[in-house]
C-alpha atoms as a PDB file:
ATOM      1  CA  MET A   1       2.304  -4.869  14.734  1.00  0.00           C
ATOM      2  CA  PRO A   2       0.611  -4.053  11.434  1.00  0.00           C
ATOM      3  CA  ASN A   3       1.217  -6.215   8.373  1.00  0.00           C
ATOM      4  CA  ILE A   4       2.386  -4.403   5.257  1.00  0.00           C
ATOM      5  CA  LEU A   5       2.621  -5.672   1.689  1.00  0.00           C
ATOM      6  CA  VAL A   6       5.132  -3.855  -0.518  1.00  0.00           C
ATOM      7  CA  VAL A   7       4.843  -4.352  -4.291  1.00  0.00           C
ATOM      8  CA  ASP A   8       7.651  -3.114  -6.542  1.00  0.00           C
ATOM      9  CA  ASP A   9       9.583  -4.631  -9.441  1.00  0.00           C
ATOM     10  CA  ASP A  10      12.743  -2.705  -8.504  1.00  0.00           C
ATOM     11  CA  ASP A  11      14.598  -5.079  -6.175  1.00  0.00           C
ATOM     12  CA  ILE A  12      16.679  -2.285  -4.630  1.00  0.00           C
ATOM     13  CA  MET A  13      13.574  -0.200  -3.858  1.00  0.00           C
ATOM     14  CA  LEU A  14      11.800  -3.271  -2.472  1.00  0.00           C
ATOM     15  CA  LYS A  15      14.682  -4.057  -0.109  1.00  0.00           C
ATOM     16  CA  ALA A  16      15.060  -0.400   0.932  1.00  0.00           C
ATOM     17  CA  ILE A  17      11.388  -0.025   1.850  1.00  0.00           C
ATOM     18  CA  LYS A  18      11.388  -3.383   3.626  1.00  0.00           C
ATOM     19  CA  ASN A  19      14.454  -2.381   5.695  1.00  0.00           C
ATOM     20  CA  ILE A  20      12.913   1.001   6.622  1.00  0.00           C
ATOM     21  CA  LEU A  21       9.689  -0.656   7.759  1.00  0.00           C
ATOM     22  CA  ASN A  22      11.355  -3.585   9.540  1.00  0.00           C
ATOM     23  CA  LYS A  23      13.517  -1.178  11.558  1.00  0.00           C
ATOM     24  CA  ASP A  24      10.322   0.538  12.689  1.00  0.00           C
ATOM     25  CA  GLY A  25       8.826  -2.788  13.821  1.00  0.00           C
ATOM     26  CA  PHE A  26       6.398  -3.521  10.977  1.00  0.00           C
ATOM     27  CA  ASN A  27       5.813  -7.013   9.589  1.00  0.00           C
ATOM     28  CA  VAL A  28       6.651  -6.739   5.889  1.00  0.00           C
ATOM     29  CA  VAL A  29       5.926  -9.070   2.984  1.00  0.00           C
ATOM     30  CA  THR A  30       7.149  -8.232  -0.515  1.00  0.00           C
ATOM     31  CA  ALA A  31       5.994  -8.956  -4.058  1.00  0.00           C
ATOM     32  CA  SER A  32       7.889  -8.137  -7.250  1.00  0.00           C
ATOM     33  CA  ASP A  33       4.904  -7.934  -9.607  1.00  0.00           C
ATOM     34  CA  GLY A  34       1.133  -7.579  -9.694  1.00  0.00           C
ATOM     35  CA  LYS A  35       0.485 -11.294 -10.137  1.00  0.00           C
ATOM     36  CA  GLU A  36       2.501 -12.165  -7.035  1.00  0.00           C
ATOM     37  CA  ALA A  37       0.690  -9.425  -5.109  1.00  0.00           C
ATOM     38  CA  PHE A  38      -2.708 -10.871  -6.089  1.00  0.00           C
ATOM     39  CA  GLU A  39      -1.610 -14.334  -4.914  1.00  0.00           C
ATOM     40  CA  LEU A  40      -0.480 -12.957  -1.537  1.00  0.00           C
ATOM     41  CA  LEU A  41      -3.686 -10.937  -1.144  1.00  0.00           C
ATOM     42  CA  GLU A  42      -5.769 -14.109  -1.596  1.00  0.00           C
ATOM     43  CA  HIS A  43      -4.283 -15.623   1.569  1.00  0.00           C
ATOM     44  CA  THR A  44      -3.639 -12.675   3.886  1.00  0.00           C
ATOM     45  CA  VAL A  45      -5.332  -9.401   4.763  1.00  0.00           C
ATOM     46  CA  TYR A  46      -2.803  -6.607   5.159  1.00  0.00           C
ATOM     47  CA  ASP A  47      -3.183  -3.376   7.093  1.00  0.00           C
ATOM     48  CA  ILE A  48      -1.286  -1.391   4.460  1.00  0.00           C
ATOM     49  CA  VAL A  49      -0.367  -2.093   0.829  1.00  0.00           C
ATOM     50  CA  ILE A  50       2.379   0.002  -0.743  1.00  0.00           C
ATOM     51  CA  THR A  51       2.492  -0.421  -4.508  1.00  0.00           C
ATOM     52  CA  ASP A  52       4.457   0.941  -7.416  1.00  0.00           C
ATOM     53  CA  LEU A  53       2.438   1.805 -10.523  1.00  0.00           C
ATOM     54  CA  MET A  54       4.673   0.340 -13.211  1.00  0.00           C
ATOM     55  CA  LEU A  55       4.651  -3.408 -12.557  1.00  0.00           C
ATOM     56  CA  PRO A  56       4.850  -6.504 -14.738  1.00  0.00           C
ATOM     57  CA  HIS A  57       1.779  -8.774 -15.102  1.00  0.00           C
ATOM     58  CA  ALA A  58      -0.636  -6.286 -13.464  1.00  0.00           C
ATOM     59  CA  ASN A  59       0.076  -2.629 -12.841  1.00  0.00           C
ATOM     60  CA  GLY A  60      -0.364  -0.758  -9.577  1.00  0.00           C
ATOM     61  CA  LEU A  61      -3.704   0.720 -10.662  1.00  0.00           C
ATOM     62  CA  GLU A  62      -5.023  -2.824 -11.103  1.00  0.00           C
ATOM     63  CA  VAL A  63      -3.753  -3.714  -7.628  1.00  0.00           C
ATOM     64  CA  VAL A  64      -5.556  -0.689  -6.143  1.00  0.00           C
ATOM     65  CA  GLY A  65      -8.773  -1.472  -8.023  1.00  0.00           C
ATOM     66  CA  LYS A  66      -8.773  -5.130  -7.033  1.00  0.00           C
ATOM     67  CA  LEU A  67      -8.199  -4.262  -3.364  1.00  0.00           C
ATOM     68  CA  ARG A  68     -11.112  -1.842  -3.291  1.00  0.00           C
ATOM     69  CA  HIS A  69     -13.481  -4.276  -5.009  1.00  0.00           C
ATOM     70  CA  ASN A  70     -12.764  -7.147  -2.618  1.00  0.00           C
ATOM     71  CA  ASP A  71     -14.744  -7.136   0.641  1.00  0.00           C
ATOM     72  CA  ALA A  72     -11.920  -8.704   2.653  1.00  0.00           C
ATOM     73  CA  ASN A  73      -9.447  -6.000   1.564  1.00  0.00           C
ATOM     74  CA  ARG A  74     -11.764  -3.022   1.279  1.00  0.00           C
ATOM     75  CA  ASN A  75     -10.375  -1.279   4.397  1.00  0.00           C
ATOM     76  CA  VAL A  76      -6.699  -1.774   3.614  1.00  0.00           C
ATOM     77  CA  GLY A  77      -4.676   1.442   3.553  1.00  0.00           C
ATOM     78  CA  ILE A  78      -3.134   1.902   0.102  1.00  0.00           C
ATOM     79  CA  ILE A  79      -0.093   4.020  -0.664  1.00  0.00           C
ATOM     80  CA  VAL A  80       1.013   4.365  -4.276  1.00  0.00           C
ATOM     81  CA  VAL A  81       4.744   4.988  -4.685  1.00  0.00           C
ATOM     82  CA  SER A  82       5.918   5.826  -8.185  1.00  0.00           C
ATOM     83  CA  SER A  83       8.209   7.873 -10.360  1.00  0.00           C
ATOM     84  CA  VAL A  84       5.207   8.517 -12.609  1.00  0.00           C
ATOM     85  CA  GLY A  85       4.153  12.030 -11.752  1.00  0.00           C
ATOM     86  CA  ASN A  86       1.546  13.014 -14.314  1.00  0.00           C
ATOM     87  CA  GLU A  87      -1.697  14.341 -12.901  1.00  0.00           C
ATOM     88  CA  GLU A  88      -3.947  11.933 -14.805  1.00  0.00           C
ATOM     89  CA  THR A  89      -2.252   8.854 -13.357  1.00  0.00           C
ATOM     90  CA  ILE A  90      -2.243  10.225  -9.821  1.00  0.00           C
ATOM     91  CA  THR A  91      -5.908  11.210 -10.118  1.00  0.00           C
ATOM     92  CA  GLU A  92      -6.768   7.735 -11.443  1.00  0.00           C
ATOM     93  CA  ALA A  93      -4.989   6.102  -8.488  1.00  0.00           C
ATOM     94  CA  PHE A  94      -7.062   8.171  -6.045  1.00  0.00           C
ATOM     95  CA  ARG A  95     -10.272   7.561  -8.024  1.00  0.00           C
ATOM     96  CA  LEU A  96      -9.679   3.808  -7.765  1.00  0.00           C
ATOM     97  CA  GLY A  97      -9.220   4.063  -4.005  1.00  0.00           C
ATOM     98  CA  ALA A  98      -5.600   4.880  -3.145  1.00  0.00           C
ATOM     99  CA  ASP A  99      -5.279   6.663   0.189  1.00  0.00           C
ATOM    100  CA  ASP A 100      -1.957   8.344  -0.494  1.00  0.00           C
ATOM    101  CA  TYR A 101       0.670   8.922  -3.174  1.00  0.00           C
ATOM    102  CA  LEU A 102       4.433   9.339  -2.822  1.00  0.00           C
ATOM    103  CA  LYS A 103       6.768  10.276  -5.649  1.00  0.00           C
ATOM    104  CA  LYS A 104      10.049   8.388  -5.923  1.00  0.00           C
ATOM    105  CA  PRO A 105      12.638   8.755  -4.581  1.00  0.00           C
ATOM    106  CA  ILE A 106      10.910   8.457  -1.230  1.00  0.00           C
ATOM    107  CA  MET A 107      12.132   9.755   2.097  1.00  0.00           C
ATOM    108  CA  ALA A 108      12.047   7.222   4.942  1.00  0.00           C
ATOM    109  CA  GLY A 109      10.613   9.648   7.498  1.00  0.00           C
ATOM    110  CA  GLU A 110       7.809  10.750   5.202  1.00  0.00           C
ATOM    111  CA  LEU A 111       6.868   7.158   4.342  1.00  0.00           C
ATOM    112  CA  LEU A 112       6.739   6.187   8.023  1.00  0.00           C
ATOM    113  CA  MET A 113       4.686   9.258   8.914  1.00  0.00           C
ATOM    114  CA  ARG A 114       2.126   8.496   6.185  1.00  0.00           C
ATOM    115  CA  ILE A 115       1.886   4.838   7.237  1.00  0.00           C
ATOM    116  CA  ARG A 116       1.333   5.793  10.877  1.00  0.00           C
ATOM    117  CA  LYS A 117      -1.348   8.284   9.822  1.00  0.00           C
ATOM    118  CA  LEU A 118      -3.206   5.627   7.792  1.00  0.00           C
ATOM    119  CA  ILE A 119      -3.028   3.160  10.676  1.00  0.00           C
ATOM    120  CA  ALA A 120      -4.246   5.791  13.165  1.00  0.00           C
ATOM    121  CA  ASN A 121      -7.151   6.693  10.862  1.00  0.00           C
ATOM    122  CA  LYS A 122      -8.040   3.022  10.425  1.00  0.00           C
ATOM    123  CA  ASN A 123      -7.938   2.449  14.196  1.00  0.00           C
ATOM    124  CA  SER A 124     -10.069   5.491  14.941  1.00  0.00           C
ATOM    125  CA  LYS A 125     -12.682   4.377  12.380  1.00  0.00           C
ATOM    126  CA  THR A 126     -12.743   0.886  13.912  1.00  0.00           C
ATOM    127  CA  GLN A 127     -13.193   2.339  17.411  1.00  0.00           C
ATOM    128  CA  PHE A 128     -15.925   4.686  16.163  1.00  0.00           C
ATOM    129  CA  TYR A 129     -17.916   1.883  14.544  1.00  0.00           C
ATOM    130  CA  THR A 130     -17.385  -0.432  17.510  1.00  0.00           C
ATOM    131  CA  LYS A 131     -18.653   2.196  19.995  1.00  0.00           C
ATOM    132  CA  LYS A 132     -21.585   3.136  17.767  1.00  0.00           C
ATOM    133  CA  LYS A 133     -23.047  -0.392  17.765  1.00  0.00           C
END
């Protein structure tokens, strides 16, 4: 089952997302700030990272940027989840390499659908490159 890192400083949101994903069979690790996320990312490669934008110690945009500039994590699917809804911030998240954006409050079904889509896209790319060699 895919490994997912969820980064959010709101403990209730963190637990809610973890419960939704655990019920669907995903392996979930959580971090409550950007610094903790960076420490976890040094030791494990995740299939999906779900990050809030407003985080202590390093914001979600920094998390996205660091993931995309690290060879080991370059192919990780990134979903930004935030209550920040201004166009500039959303555009910046995509420019830095986010794959998707969800506005809080999130709906469980929509989150699961977007995760499955990212995983399917990642798997089809892997199969394409494997067959091409």
